[in-house]
Protein backbone atom coordinates (compact mmCIF):
# COMPACT_ATOMS: atom_id res chain seq x y z
CA UNK A 1 -11.96 3.18 -6.69
CA UNK A 2 -14.28 5.03 -9.08
CA UNK A 3 -17.62 3.28 -9.44
CA UNK A 4 -17.19 1.10 -6.36
CA UNK A 5 -20.03 0.34 -3.98
CA UNK A 6 -18.40 2.61 -1.37
CA UNK A 7 -18.26 5.60 -3.73
CA UNK A 8 -21.82 5.10 -4.99
CA UNK A 9 -23.23 4.59 -1.48
CA UNK A 10 -21.48 7.74 -0.22
CA UNK A 11 -22.87 9.80 -3.12
CA UNK A 12 -26.40 8.56 -2.43
CA UNK A 13 -26.12 9.11 1.33
CA UNK A 14 -24.93 12.69 0.82
CA UNK A 15 -27.57 13.49 -1.78
CA UNK A 16 -25.08 14.08 -4.58
CA UNK A 17 -26.21 14.02 -8.19
CA UNK A 18 -23.84 11.82 -10.16
CA UNK A 19 -23.44 9.67 -13.22
CA UNK A 20 -21.19 6.70 -13.83
CA UNK A 21 -18.90 5.82 -16.67
CA UNK A 22 -17.91 2.18 -16.35
CA UNK A 23 -16.64 -0.69 -18.44
CA UNK A 24 -19.45 -2.95 -19.59
CA UNK A 25 -19.56 -6.71 -19.30
CA UNK A 26 -22.33 -9.35 -19.15
CA UNK A 27 -23.11 -8.60 -15.50
CA UNK A 28 -23.27 -4.83 -16.03
CA UNK A 29 -25.37 -5.24 -19.18
CA UNK A 30 -27.85 -7.44 -17.28
CA UNK A 31 -28.08 -4.90 -14.44
CA UNK A 32 -28.73 -2.07 -16.91
CA UNK A 33 -31.36 -4.12 -18.74
CA UNK A 34 -33.15 -4.75 -15.43
CA UNK A 35 -33.68 -1.02 -14.75
CA UNK A 36 -37.28 -0.01 -15.41
CA UNK A 37 -37.60 2.45 -18.30
CA UNK A 38 -39.45 4.92 -16.02
CA UNK A 39 -36.48 5.03 -13.62
CA UNK A 40 -34.13 6.66 -16.14
CA UNK A 41 -33.54 10.42 -15.95
CA UNK A 42 -32.16 12.74 -18.59
CA UNK A 43 -28.55 13.76 -18.15
CA UNK A 44 -27.96 17.42 -18.91
CA UNK A 45 -24.59 19.13 -19.09
CA UNK A 46 -23.44 22.70 -19.46
CA UNK A 47 -22.02 23.83 -22.76
CA UNK A 48 -18.30 23.22 -22.90
CA UNK A 49 -15.89 26.11 -23.03
CA UNK A 50 -13.47 26.23 -25.96
CA UNK A 51 -10.72 27.13 -23.48
CA UNK A 52 -10.05 24.65 -20.64
CA UNK A 53 -10.72 26.09 -17.18
CA UNK A 54 -8.31 24.79 -14.50
CA UNK A 55 -10.01 23.33 -11.43
CA UNK A 56 -13.32 22.88 -13.17
């Protein structure tokens, strides 16, 4: 279910910030190539802890 239209639409409707990790194929590659360079945003993440934190 991850990466489906339903999940993506719900995230957008609720104003969630999200990123996708999906398998690539010709169709996905073409869709990515069609995105205007100015539309991309930088993805920033917090520094990872050396010790796993449950529920995080």
